[in-house]
Amino acid sequence: MIYNYDFEFQNAIENTIKVGVNIDNYEPTNKRYFTQNIGDFSNKIISTLLWLKEKKKIKGQPEFIPLLGAIIGNCGPFHNYMKPIIEQAFNCKSFLTLGYIKLTYNDMEETTYHKFELTDIERSINSNGIFSHNHHIWLTLDSGEILDMTFLMTYKSINDKNFYKTVVNEGIPFEFVTRHYSELPKGMEYKPMFVGDEVLNKAGYNIKSLTNIVVWDSYPENI
């Protein structure tokens, strides 16, 4: 079966509506916001994160949550926090997307990461919002481009024994997925299941749990 992320994303919107949640209109565009210039994009995000850290120092507030800790294992809160930054930086519309990732090796061996079933979310909603199952969250842009700023680093932190040694010696090795779904590496598929922050809140997911990140009055000029 041919992988069609846009079709699956439309199904994820329908899944979201079926559990009683409305979302902003999704109007696909043929634009490409950043896949042709990944270096500039990464620099914008990294400089913004470092600006946040410096802003904390200037304000004399408690130490900024370590960047590594803000990213690894924090896919929901981190992408939710970065969503308005992305939209302003690229003048685009983005959607929090709840789902999982499937990797296929040698056209045969399949591995899924953070997989869950539709009924898991329905159960969370019907049990007064007790969200405890596996999951992954990323941003889908109206261009069909996928922005995932946490999976690769979380994956490496678990599977690469030299990861933290690299962090200590060389700094954080920022790695993001910044591609249109049709340009993902062979064998890599993002599987959207639900869309938007409202369904997450309804299911009991604390999407705003990065509480000690400073919220600024205006965005830094370099984004």
C-alpha atoms as a PDB file:
ATOM      1  CA  MET A   1       0.000   0.000   0.000  1.00  0.00           C
ATOM      2  CA  ILE A   2       1.377   3.407  -1.021  1.00  0.00           C
ATOM      3  CA  TYR A   3       2.040   5.727   1.907  1.00  0.00           C
ATOM      4  CA  ASN A   4      -0.205   8.794   1.743  1.00  0.00           C
ATOM      5  CA  TYR A   5       0.251  11.033   4.766  1.00  0.00           C
ATOM      6  CA  ASP A   6      -2.278  13.600   3.567  1.00  0.00           C
ATOM      7  CA  PHE A   7      -5.000  10.936   3.372  1.00  0.00           C
ATOM      8  CA  GLU A   8      -4.113   9.677   6.853  1.00  0.00           C
ATOM      9  CA  PHE A   9      -4.039  13.232   8.204  1.00  0.00           C
ATOM     10  CA  GLN A  10      -7.553  13.824   6.864  1.00  0.00           C
ATOM     11  CA  ASN A  11      -8.624  10.628   8.649  1.00  0.00           C
ATOM     12  CA  ALA A  12      -6.994  11.931  11.836  1.00  0.00           C
ATOM     13  CA  ILE A  13      -9.111  15.076  11.534  1.00  0.00           C
ATOM     14  CA  GLU A  14     -12.220  12.897  11.194  1.00  0.00           C
ATOM     15  CA  ASN A  15     -11.158  10.847  14.242  1.00  0.00           C
ATOM     16  CA  THR A  16     -10.841  14.088  16.189  1.00  0.00           C
ATOM     17  CA  ILE A  17     -14.276  15.327  15.169  1.00  0.00           C
ATOM     18  CA  LYS A  18     -15.819  11.956  16.076  1.00  0.00           C
ATOM     19  CA  VAL A  19     -14.748  12.362  19.717  1.00  0.00           C
ATOM     20  CA  GLY A  20     -16.524  15.710  19.884  1.00  0.00           C
ATOM     21  CA  VAL A  21     -13.644  18.073  19.176  1.00  0.00           C
ATOM     22  CA  ASN A  22     -13.544  20.724  16.462  1.00  0.00           C
ATOM     23  CA  ILE A  23     -10.268  21.898  14.949  1.00  0.00           C
ATOM     24  CA  ASP A  24      -9.148  24.829  12.828  1.00  0.00           C
ATOM     25  CA  ASN A  25      -9.773  24.448   9.120  1.00  0.00           C
ATOM     26  CA  TYR A  26      -7.024  22.512   7.398  1.00  0.00           C
ATOM     27  CA  GLU A  27      -6.469  23.949   3.938  1.00  0.00           C
ATOM     28  CA  PRO A  28      -3.529  22.237   2.207  1.00  0.00           C
ATOM     29  CA  THR A  29      -1.133  24.428   0.252  1.00  0.00           C
ATOM     30  CA  ASN A  30       1.552  23.639  -2.309  1.00  0.00           C
ATOM     31  CA  LYS A  31       3.998  25.964  -0.584  1.00  0.00           C
ATOM     32  CA  ARG A  32       7.233  24.676   0.907  1.00  0.00           C
ATOM     33  CA  TYR A  33       8.292  26.600   3.967  1.00  0.00           C
ATOM     34  CA  PHE A  34      11.634  25.135   4.913  1.00  0.00           C
ATOM     35  CA  THR A  35      12.560  21.851   3.270  1.00  0.00           C
ATOM     36  CA  GLN A  36      14.683  23.632   0.679  1.00  0.00           C
ATOM     37  CA  ASN A  37      16.689  25.451   3.327  1.00  0.00           C
ATOM     38  CA  ILE A  38      16.976  23.198   6.348  1.00  0.00           C
ATOM     39  CA  GLY A  39      20.151  24.868   7.593  1.00  0.00           C
ATOM     40  CA  ASP A  40      18.517  28.261   7.944  1.00  0.00           C
ATOM     41  CA  PHE A  41      15.500  26.693   9.594  1.00  0.00           C
ATOM     42  CA  SER A  42      17.578  24.803  12.149  1.00  0.00           C
ATOM     43  CA  ASN A  43      19.554  27.933  12.932  1.00  0.00           C
ATOM     44  CA  LYS A  44      16.341  29.855  13.576  1.00  0.00           C
ATOM     45  CA  ILE A  45      15.080  27.266  16.028  1.00  0.00           C
ATOM     46  CA  ILE A  46      18.411  26.809  17.796  1.00  0.00           C
ATOM     47  CA  SER A  47      18.989  30.558  18.087  1.00  0.00           C
ATOM     48  CA  THR A  48      15.474  30.949  19.484  1.00  0.00           C
ATOM     49  CA  LEU A  49      16.102  28.273  22.105  1.00  0.00           C
ATOM     50  CA  LEU A  50      19.389  29.858  23.091  1.00  0.00           C
ATOM     51  CA  TRP A  51      17.708  33.271  23.164  1.00  0.00           C
ATOM     52  CA  LEU A  52      15.180  31.861  25.603  1.00  0.00           C
ATOM     53  CA  LYS A  53      17.985  30.618  27.812  1.00  0.00           C
ATOM     54  CA  GLU A  54      19.717  34.011  27.737  1.00  0.00           C
ATOM     55  CA  LYS A  55      16.426  35.811  28.361  1.00  0.00           C
ATOM     56  CA  LYS A  56      16.057  33.807  31.549  1.00  0.00           C
ATOM     57  CA  LYS A  57      19.447  34.976  32.775  1.00  0.00           C
ATOM     58  CA  ILE A  58      18.717  38.599  31.958  1.00  0.00           C
ATOM     59  CA  LYS A  59      15.437  38.487  33.822  1.00  0.00           C
ATOM     60  CA  GLY A  60      17.102  36.886  36.809  1.00  0.00           C
ATOM     61  CA  GLN A  61      14.526  34.131  36.772  1.00  0.00           C
ATOM     62  CA  PRO A  62      15.142  30.519  37.822  1.00  0.00           C
ATOM     63  CA  GLU A  63      17.539  28.647  35.577  1.00  0.00           C
ATOM     64  CA  PHE A  64      16.037  27.789  32.198  1.00  0.00           C
ATOM     65  CA  ILE A  65      14.985  24.176  31.930  1.00  0.00           C
ATOM     66  CA  PRO A  66      18.000  22.444  30.314  1.00  0.00           C
ATOM     67  CA  LEU A  67      17.484  22.396  26.561  1.00  0.00           C
ATOM     68  CA  LEU A  68      18.130  18.668  26.393  1.00  0.00           C
ATOM     69  CA  GLY A  69      15.571  18.010  29.111  1.00  0.00           C
ATOM     70  CA  ALA A  70      13.065  20.263  27.366  1.00  0.00           C
ATOM     71  CA  ILE A  71      13.333  18.203  24.192  1.00  0.00           C
ATOM     72  CA  ILE A  72      13.855  14.548  25.122  1.00  0.00           C
ATOM     73  CA  GLY A  73      10.624  12.839  26.136  1.00  0.00           C
ATOM     74  CA  ASN A  74       8.670  16.105  25.943  1.00  0.00           C
ATOM     75  CA  CYS A  75       7.227  15.887  22.440  1.00  0.00           C
ATOM     76  CA  GLY A  76       3.822  17.318  23.372  1.00  0.00           C
ATOM     77  CA  PRO A  77       4.701  20.299  25.559  1.00  0.00           C
ATOM     78  CA  PHE A  78       7.757  21.179  23.471  1.00  0.00           C
ATOM     79  CA  HIS A  79       5.960  21.220  20.113  1.00  0.00           C
ATOM     80  CA  ASN A  80       3.015  23.037  21.655  1.00  0.00           C
ATOM     81  CA  TYR A  81       5.374  25.698  22.970  1.00  0.00           C
ATOM     82  CA  MET A  82       7.206  26.049  19.656  1.00  0.00           C
ATOM     83  CA  LYS A  83       4.016  26.105  17.541  1.00  0.00           C
ATOM     84  CA  PRO A  84       3.422  29.901  17.608  1.00  0.00           C
ATOM     85  CA  ILE A  85       7.133  30.515  17.053  1.00  0.00           C
ATOM     86  CA  ILE A  86       7.093  28.341  13.931  1.00  0.00           C
ATOM     87  CA  GLU A  87       3.940  29.993  12.634  1.00  0.00           C
ATOM     88  CA  GLN A  88       5.377  33.468  13.063  1.00  0.00           C
ATOM     89  CA  ALA A  89       8.808  32.599  11.691  1.00  0.00           C
ATOM     90  CA  PHE A  90       7.442  31.039   8.498  1.00  0.00           C
ATOM     91  CA  ASN A  91       4.020  32.670   8.198  1.00  0.00           C
ATOM     92  CA  CYS A  92       2.375  29.273   8.069  1.00  0.00           C
ATOM     93  CA  LYS A  93      -0.340  27.306   9.807  1.00  0.00           C
ATOM     94  CA  SER A  94       0.637  24.281  11.884  1.00  0.00           C
ATOM     95  CA  PHE A  95      -1.275  21.546  13.668  1.00  0.00           C
ATOM     96  CA  LEU A  96      -0.297  19.507  16.704  1.00  0.00           C
ATOM     97  CA  THR A  97      -0.523  15.911  15.537  1.00  0.00           C
ATOM     98  CA  LEU A  98      -0.900  12.902  17.828  1.00  0.00           C
ATOM     99  CA  GLY A  99       0.150   9.549  16.424  1.00  0.00           C
ATOM    100  CA  TYR A 100       3.095   7.182  16.089  1.00  0.00           C
ATOM    101  CA  ILE A 101       6.045   6.396  13.823  1.00  0.00           C
ATOM    102  CA  LYS A 102       6.664   3.286  11.752  1.00  0.00           C
ATOM    103  CA  LEU A 103      10.137   2.358  10.517  1.00  0.00           C
ATOM    104  CA  THR A 104      10.673  -0.425   7.974  1.00  0.00           C
ATOM    105  CA  TYR A 105      14.125  -1.954   7.548  1.00  0.00           C
ATOM    106  CA  ASN A 106      15.235  -3.783   4.385  1.00  0.00           C
ATOM    107  CA  ASP A 107      11.649  -3.590   3.069  1.00  0.00           C
ATOM    108  CA  MET A 108      10.650  -6.281   5.572  1.00  0.00           C
ATOM    109  CA  GLU A 109      11.284  -5.704   9.258  1.00  0.00           C
ATOM    110  CA  GLU A 110       8.814  -3.225  10.766  1.00  0.00           C
ATOM    111  CA  THR A 111       9.183  -1.415  14.074  1.00  0.00           C
ATOM    112  CA  THR A 112       6.683   1.040  15.511  1.00  0.00           C
ATOM    113  CA  TYR A 113       7.462   3.721  18.064  1.00  0.00           C
ATOM    114  CA  HIS A 114       4.878   5.124  20.466  1.00  0.00           C
ATOM    115  CA  LYS A 115       2.019   3.211  18.847  1.00  0.00           C
ATOM    116  CA  PHE A 116      -1.449   3.317  20.367  1.00  0.00           C
ATOM    117  CA  GLU A 117      -4.999   2.548  19.247  1.00  0.00           C
ATOM    118  CA  LEU A 118      -7.889   4.911  18.549  1.00  0.00           C
ATOM    119  CA  THR A 119      -9.754   3.341  21.444  1.00  0.00           C
ATOM    120  CA  ASP A 120      -6.989   4.399  23.849  1.00  0.00           C
ATOM    121  CA  ILE A 121      -7.836   8.062  23.312  1.00  0.00           C
ATOM    122  CA  GLU A 122     -11.559   7.362  23.472  1.00  0.00           C
ATOM    123  CA  ARG A 123     -11.015   5.528  26.748  1.00  0.00           C
ATOM    124  CA  SER A 124      -9.006   8.435  28.157  1.00  0.00           C
ATOM    125  CA  ILE A 125     -11.770  10.868  27.249  1.00  0.00           C
ATOM    126  CA  ASN A 126     -14.462   8.646  28.741  1.00  0.00           C
ATOM    127  CA  SER A 127     -12.499   8.129  31.972  1.00  0.00           C
ATOM    128  CA  ASN A 128     -12.431  11.817  32.869  1.00  0.00           C
ATOM    129  CA  GLY A 129      -9.136  12.482  31.157  1.00  0.00           C
ATOM    130  CA  ILE A 130      -6.632   9.939  32.466  1.00  0.00           C
ATOM    131  CA  PHE A 131      -3.917   9.947  29.788  1.00  0.00           C
ATOM    132  CA  SER A 132      -1.386   7.202  30.394  1.00  0.00           C
ATOM    133  CA  HIS A 133      -0.709   5.401  27.105  1.00  0.00           C
ATOM    134  CA  ASN A 134       2.186   5.556  24.680  1.00  0.00           C
ATOM    135  CA  HIS A 135       2.154   8.367  22.108  1.00  0.00           C
ATOM    136  CA  HIS A 136       4.126  10.771  19.970  1.00  0.00           C
ATOM    137  CA  ILE A 137       3.327  14.364  18.995  1.00  0.00           C
ATOM    138  CA  TRP A 138       4.733  16.483  16.177  1.00  0.00           C
ATOM    139  CA  LEU A 139       3.661  19.440  14.015  1.00  0.00           C
ATOM    140  CA  THR A 140       2.046  19.112  10.593  1.00  0.00           C
ATOM    141  CA  LEU A 141       2.254  22.256   8.481  1.00  0.00           C
ATOM    142  CA  ASP A 142      -0.444  23.198   5.986  1.00  0.00           C
ATOM    143  CA  SER A 143       2.143  22.437   3.297  1.00  0.00           C
ATOM    144  CA  GLY A 144       2.216  18.761   4.262  1.00  0.00           C
ATOM    145  CA  GLU A 145       5.658  19.242   5.761  1.00  0.00           C
ATOM    146  CA  ILE A 146       6.352  17.410   9.007  1.00  0.00           C
ATOM    147  CA  LEU A 147       8.246  19.111  11.788  1.00  0.00           C
ATOM    148  CA  ASP A 148       9.472  16.836  14.553  1.00  0.00           C
ATOM    149  CA  MET A 149      12.012  18.339  16.923  1.00  0.00           C
ATOM    150  CA  THR A 150      12.112  15.573  19.538  1.00  0.00           C
ATOM    151  CA  PHE A 151      11.973  12.045  18.086  1.00  0.00           C
ATOM    152  CA  LEU A 152      15.493  11.744  16.650  1.00  0.00           C
ATOM    153  CA  MET A 153      17.129  13.087  19.780  1.00  0.00           C
ATOM    154  CA  THR A 154      14.975  10.957  22.076  1.00  0.00           C
ATOM    155  CA  TYR A 155      15.757   7.909  19.927  1.00  0.00           C
ATOM    156  CA  LYS A 156      19.494   8.588  20.011  1.00  0.00           C
ATOM    157  CA  SER A 157      19.514   9.258  23.748  1.00  0.00           C
ATOM    158  CA  ILE A 158      18.145   5.735  24.232  1.00  0.00           C
ATOM    159  CA  ASN A 159      20.037   3.839  21.528  1.00  0.00           C
ATOM    160  CA  ASP A 160      23.385   5.632  21.187  1.00  0.00           C
ATOM    161  CA  LYS A 161      25.678   4.850  24.105  1.00  0.00           C
ATOM    162  CA  ASN A 162      27.872   7.842  23.207  1.00  0.00           C
ATOM    163  CA  PHE A 163      25.001  10.335  23.037  1.00  0.00           C
ATOM    164  CA  TYR A 164      25.489  11.999  26.406  1.00  0.00           C
ATOM    165  CA  LYS A 165      29.262  11.910  26.004  1.00  0.00           C
ATOM    166  CA  THR A 166      28.778  13.882  22.786  1.00  0.00           C
ATOM    167  CA  VAL A 167      26.548  16.358  24.616  1.00  0.00           C
ATOM    168  CA  VAL A 168      29.186  16.918  27.291  1.00  0.00           C
ATOM    169  CA  ASN A 169      32.061  17.286  24.828  1.00  0.00           C
ATOM    170  CA  GLU A 170      30.430  19.005  21.859  1.00  0.00           C
ATOM    171  CA  GLY A 171      27.072  20.383  22.989  1.00  0.00           C
ATOM    172  CA  ILE A 172      23.586  19.257  22.054  1.00  0.00           C
ATOM    173  CA  PRO A 173      23.511  17.581  18.602  1.00  0.00           C
ATOM    174  CA  PHE A 174      20.272  19.173  17.431  1.00  0.00           C
ATOM    175  CA  GLU A 175      18.515  16.989  14.883  1.00  0.00           C
ATOM    176  CA  PHE A 176      15.046  17.707  13.513  1.00  0.00           C
ATOM    177  CA  VAL A 177      12.757  16.043  10.990  1.00  0.00           C
ATOM    178  CA  THR A 178      11.907  18.896   8.621  1.00  0.00           C
ATOM    179  CA  ARG A 179      10.526  17.328   5.470  1.00  0.00           C
ATOM    180  CA  HIS A 180       7.455  17.018   3.324  1.00  0.00           C
ATOM    181  CA  TYR A 181       5.887  13.623   3.937  1.00  0.00           C
ATOM    182  CA  SER A 182       6.773  12.558   0.373  1.00  0.00           C
ATOM    183  CA  GLU A 183      10.449  13.274   1.078  1.00  0.00           C
ATOM    184  CA  LEU A 184      10.851  11.263   4.271  1.00  0.00           C
ATOM    185  CA  PRO A 185      13.673   8.702   4.261  1.00  0.00           C
ATOM    186  CA  LYS A 186      12.689   5.374   2.748  1.00  0.00           C
ATOM    187  CA  GLY A 187      10.923   3.205   5.300  1.00  0.00           C
ATOM    188  CA  MET A 188       9.985   6.073   7.642  1.00  0.00           C
ATOM    189  CA  GLU A 189       6.283   6.814   8.056  1.00  0.00           C
ATOM    190  CA  TYR A 190       4.488   9.189  10.394  1.00  0.00           C
ATOM    191  CA  LYS A 191       1.047   7.833  11.298  1.00  0.00           C
ATOM    192  CA  PRO A 192      -1.330  10.628  12.403  1.00  0.00           C
ATOM    193  CA  MET A 193      -4.284   9.593  14.579  1.00  0.00           C
ATOM    194  CA  PHE A 194      -5.695  12.816  16.089  1.00  0.00           C
ATOM    195  CA  VAL A 195      -5.168  16.537  15.516  1.00  0.00           C
ATOM    196  CA  GLY A 196      -5.064  19.606  17.757  1.00  0.00           C
ATOM    197  CA  ASP A 197      -4.501  20.544  21.381  1.00  0.00           C
ATOM    198  CA  GLU A 198      -8.165  20.373  22.372  1.00  0.00           C
ATOM    199  CA  VAL A 199      -8.403  16.609  21.930  1.00  0.00           C
ATOM    200  CA  LEU A 200      -5.218  16.241  23.987  1.00  0.00           C
ATOM    201  CA  ASN A 201      -6.622  18.383  26.783  1.00  0.00           C
ATOM    202  CA  LYS A 202      -9.887  16.460  26.684  1.00  0.00           C
ATOM    203  CA  ALA A 203      -7.960  13.202  27.017  1.00  0.00           C
ATOM    204  CA  GLY A 204      -6.111  14.529  30.074  1.00  0.00           C
ATOM    205  CA  TYR A 205      -2.761  15.349  28.466  1.00  0.00           C
ATOM    206  CA  ASN A 206      -0.997  18.303  30.078  1.00  0.00           C
ATOM    207  CA  ILE A 207       0.108  19.957  26.861  1.00  0.00           C
ATOM    208  CA  LYS A 208       1.406  23.052  28.672  1.00  0.00           C
ATOM    209  CA  SER A 209       3.587  21.307  31.222  1.00  0.00           C
ATOM    210  CA  LEU A 210       6.800  23.176  30.321  1.00  0.00           C
ATOM    211  CA  THR A 211       5.784  25.783  32.863  1.00  0.00           C
ATOM    212  CA  ASN A 212       9.196  27.235  33.602  1.00  0.00           C
ATOM    213  CA  ILE A 213       9.933  28.375  30.062  1.00  0.00           C
ATOM    214  CA  VAL A 214       9.725  32.148  29.857  1.00  0.00           C
ATOM    215  CA  VAL A 215       6.912  33.642  27.788  1.00  0.00           C
ATOM    216  CA  TRP A 216       8.169  36.818  26.154  1.00  0.00           C
ATOM    217  CA  ASP A 217       6.273  39.970  25.244  1.00  0.00           C
ATOM    218  CA  SER A 218       7.678  40.021  21.719  1.00  0.00           C
ATOM    219  CA  TYR A 219       9.585  37.477  19.654  1.00  0.00           C
ATOM    220  CA  PRO A 220      13.351  37.814  19.179  1.00  0.00           C
ATOM    221  CA  GLU A 221      14.360  39.619  16.012  1.00  0.00           C
ATOM    222  CA  ASN A 222      16.440  36.755  14.662  1.00  0.00           C
ATOM    223  CA  ILE A 223      13.447  34.545  13.915  1.00  0.00           C
END
